Amino acid sequence: MLNDALEFACPWCGEINQVETEPGDAGQWVIQDCQVCCSPIEIRLPGPGQDEFTVRAEGN
């Protein structure tokens, strides 16, 4: 996972978003606002040797 962009659907509105990843971000949670509806999204980036990542709604 070196300087890649991961695509995911916003858990609020369903629109496709991207998150840019850096090598030092592996395995961490980041919060990014949806590019369409501006709602906050929590994203768990893949750790070393992992391909899976987690996306969930943040807040109410």
N, C-alpha and C. Protein backbone atom coordinates (compact mmCIF):
# COMPACT_ATOMS: atom_id res chain seq x y z
N MET A 1 0.85 -1.18 0.00
CA MET A 1 0.00 0.00 0.00
C MET A 1 0.89 1.24 0.00
N LEU A 2 1.48 1.54 -1.09
CA LEU A 2 2.36 2.71 -1.19
C LEU A 2 1.69 3.79 -2.01
N ASN A 3 1.29 4.87 -1.37
CA ASN A 3 0.70 6.02 -2.05
C ASN A 3 -0.39 5.62 -3.04
N ASP A 4 -1.34 4.84 -2.58
CA ASP A 4 -2.45 4.39 -3.40
C ASP A 4 -3.70 5.17 -3.04
N ALA A 5 -4.73 5.03 -3.86
CA ALA A 5 -6.04 5.58 -3.55
C ALA A 5 -7.01 4.41 -3.45
N LEU A 6 -7.73 4.34 -2.34
CA LEU A 6 -8.74 3.31 -2.14
C LEU A 6 -10.11 3.91 -2.43
N GLU A 7 -10.95 3.18 -3.17
CA GLU A 7 -12.31 3.63 -3.45
C GLU A 7 -13.28 2.92 -2.52
N PHE A 8 -14.31 3.67 -2.10
CA PHE A 8 -15.34 3.10 -1.22
C PHE A 8 -16.62 3.89 -1.40
N ALA A 9 -17.74 3.26 -1.03
CA ALA A 9 -19.04 3.92 -1.08
C ALA A 9 -19.29 4.62 0.26
N CYS A 10 -19.77 5.84 0.21
CA CYS A 10 -20.11 6.58 1.42
C CYS A 10 -21.22 5.83 2.16
N PRO A 11 -21.07 5.58 3.48
CA PRO A 11 -22.13 4.89 4.22
C PRO A 11 -23.37 5.77 4.41
N TRP A 12 -23.28 7.05 4.15
CA TRP A 12 -24.41 7.97 4.30
C TRP A 12 -25.23 8.08 3.01
N CYS A 13 -24.56 8.38 1.89
CA CYS A 13 -25.30 8.65 0.65
C CYS A 13 -25.03 7.63 -0.46
N GLY A 14 -24.03 6.76 -0.28
CA GLY A 14 -23.75 5.72 -1.26
C GLY A 14 -22.85 6.13 -2.41
N GLU A 15 -22.48 7.39 -2.48
CA GLU A 15 -21.62 7.85 -3.57
C GLU A 15 -20.19 7.33 -3.40
N ILE A 16 -19.51 7.10 -4.51
CA ILE A 16 -18.13 6.60 -4.49
C ILE A 16 -17.18 7.74 -4.11
N ASN A 17 -16.29 7.45 -3.17
CA ASN A 17 -15.26 8.38 -2.71
C ASN A 17 -13.91 7.68 -2.82
N GLN A 18 -12.86 8.44 -2.62
CA GLN A 18 -11.50 7.90 -2.58
C GLN A 18 -10.78 8.45 -1.37
N VAL A 19 -9.88 7.65 -0.83
CA VAL A 19 -8.98 8.11 0.22
C VAL A 19 -7.56 7.81 -0.24
N GLU A 20 -6.72 8.82 -0.18
CA GLU A 20 -5.31 8.65 -0.53
C GLU A 20 -4.60 8.02 0.66
N THR A 21 -3.73 7.08 0.40
CA THR A 21 -3.00 6.41 1.47
C THR A 21 -1.51 6.68 1.36
N GLU A 22 -0.87 6.73 2.49
CA GLU A 22 0.57 6.90 2.61
C GLU A 22 1.11 5.67 3.34
N PRO A 23 2.34 5.27 3.11
CA PRO A 23 2.89 4.09 3.79
C PRO A 23 2.79 4.17 5.31
N GLY A 24 2.97 5.33 5.89
CA GLY A 24 2.92 5.48 7.35
C GLY A 24 1.52 5.41 7.93
N ASP A 25 0.48 5.43 7.08
CA ASP A 25 -0.91 5.38 7.54
C ASP A 25 -1.44 3.96 7.72
N ALA A 26 -0.66 2.96 7.35
CA ALA A 26 -1.12 1.56 7.37
C ALA A 26 -1.66 1.18 8.74
N GLY A 27 -2.87 0.60 8.76
CA GLY A 27 -3.49 0.11 9.99
C GLY A 27 -4.14 1.17 10.85
N GLN A 28 -4.14 2.42 10.43
CA GLN A 28 -4.72 3.50 11.23
C GLN A 28 -6.13 3.83 10.79
N TRP A 29 -6.88 4.48 11.72
CA TRP A 29 -8.19 5.04 11.40
C TRP A 29 -7.99 6.47 10.92
N VAL A 30 -8.66 6.86 9.85
CA VAL A 30 -8.67 8.25 9.40
C VAL A 30 -10.13 8.67 9.26
N ILE A 31 -10.39 9.95 9.40
CA ILE A 31 -11.73 10.49 9.20
C ILE A 31 -11.68 11.42 8.01
N GLN A 32 -12.60 11.19 7.08
CA GLN A 32 -12.66 12.00 5.86
C GLN A 32 -14.12 12.35 5.61
N ASP A 33 -14.38 13.58 5.20
CA ASP A 33 -15.74 13.96 4.83
C ASP A 33 -16.05 13.46 3.43
N CYS A 34 -17.30 13.02 3.23
CA CYS A 34 -17.75 12.59 1.91
C CYS A 34 -17.60 13.75 0.93
N GLN A 35 -17.13 13.45 -0.27
CA GLN A 35 -16.95 14.47 -1.30
C GLN A 35 -18.27 14.97 -1.86
N VAL A 36 -19.37 14.25 -1.60
CA VAL A 36 -20.68 14.63 -2.13
C VAL A 36 -21.58 15.22 -1.05
N CYS A 37 -21.80 14.47 0.05
CA CYS A 37 -22.75 14.93 1.08
C CYS A 37 -22.08 15.58 2.29
N CYS A 38 -20.75 15.56 2.33
CA CYS A 38 -19.94 16.20 3.39
C CYS A 38 -20.09 15.56 4.77
N SER A 39 -20.70 14.39 4.87
CA SER A 39 -20.81 13.69 6.15
C SER A 39 -19.48 13.03 6.50
N PRO A 40 -19.14 12.97 7.81
CA PRO A 40 -17.87 12.36 8.21
C PRO A 40 -17.90 10.84 8.09
N ILE A 41 -16.80 10.28 7.61
CA ILE A 41 -16.66 8.84 7.41
C ILE A 41 -15.38 8.39 8.09
N GLU A 42 -15.46 7.31 8.88
CA GLU A 42 -14.27 6.70 9.47
C GLU A 42 -13.79 5.58 8.56
N ILE A 43 -12.50 5.56 8.28
CA ILE A 43 -11.92 4.56 7.40
C ILE A 43 -10.73 3.93 8.11
N ARG A 44 -10.75 2.62 8.27
CA ARG A 44 -9.59 1.91 8.81
C ARG A 44 -8.78 1.42 7.62
N LEU A 45 -7.59 1.95 7.48
CA LEU A 45 -6.73 1.59 6.35
C LEU A 45 -6.10 0.22 6.57
N PRO A 46 -5.81 -0.50 5.48
CA PRO A 46 -5.19 -1.82 5.62
C PRO A 46 -3.82 -1.73 6.28
N GLY A 47 -3.52 -2.72 7.11
CA GLY A 47 -2.20 -2.81 7.72
C GLY A 47 -1.25 -3.55 6.80
N PRO A 48 -0.01 -3.70 7.21
CA PRO A 48 0.97 -4.42 6.39
C PRO A 48 0.47 -5.84 6.06
N GLY A 49 0.53 -6.20 4.79
CA GLY A 49 0.11 -7.52 4.35
C GLY A 49 -1.39 -7.72 4.26
N GLN A 50 -2.19 -6.65 4.45
CA GLN A 50 -3.64 -6.76 4.39
C GLN A 50 -4.18 -6.04 3.16
N ASP A 51 -5.27 -6.55 2.63
CA ASP A 51 -5.94 -5.91 1.50
C ASP A 51 -7.26 -5.28 1.92
N GLU A 52 -7.83 -5.76 3.02
CA GLU A 52 -9.14 -5.31 3.48
C GLU A 52 -9.05 -3.97 4.21
N PHE A 53 -10.09 -3.15 4.05
CA PHE A 53 -10.19 -1.95 4.86
C PHE A 53 -11.64 -1.77 5.28
N THR A 54 -11.86 -1.00 6.34
CA THR A 54 -13.18 -0.84 6.94
C THR A 54 -13.66 0.59 6.73
N VAL A 55 -14.93 0.75 6.38
CA VAL A 55 -15.55 2.06 6.23
C VAL A 55 -16.80 2.07 7.10
N ARG A 56 -16.96 3.14 7.92
CA ARG A 56 -18.19 3.21 8.72
C ARG A 56 -18.59 4.67 8.92
N ALA A 57 -19.87 4.85 9.19
CA ALA A 57 -20.41 6.18 9.44
C ALA A 57 -19.90 6.68 10.77
N GLU A 58 -19.55 7.96 10.84
CA GLU A 58 -19.06 8.61 12.05
C GLU A 58 -20.13 9.58 12.52
N GLY A 59 -20.46 9.54 13.80
CA GLY A 59 -21.46 10.45 14.34
C GLY A 59 -22.85 9.86 14.25
N ASN A 60 -23.86 10.75 14.25
CA ASN A 60 -25.26 10.30 14.24
C ASN A 60 -25.79 10.20 12.84
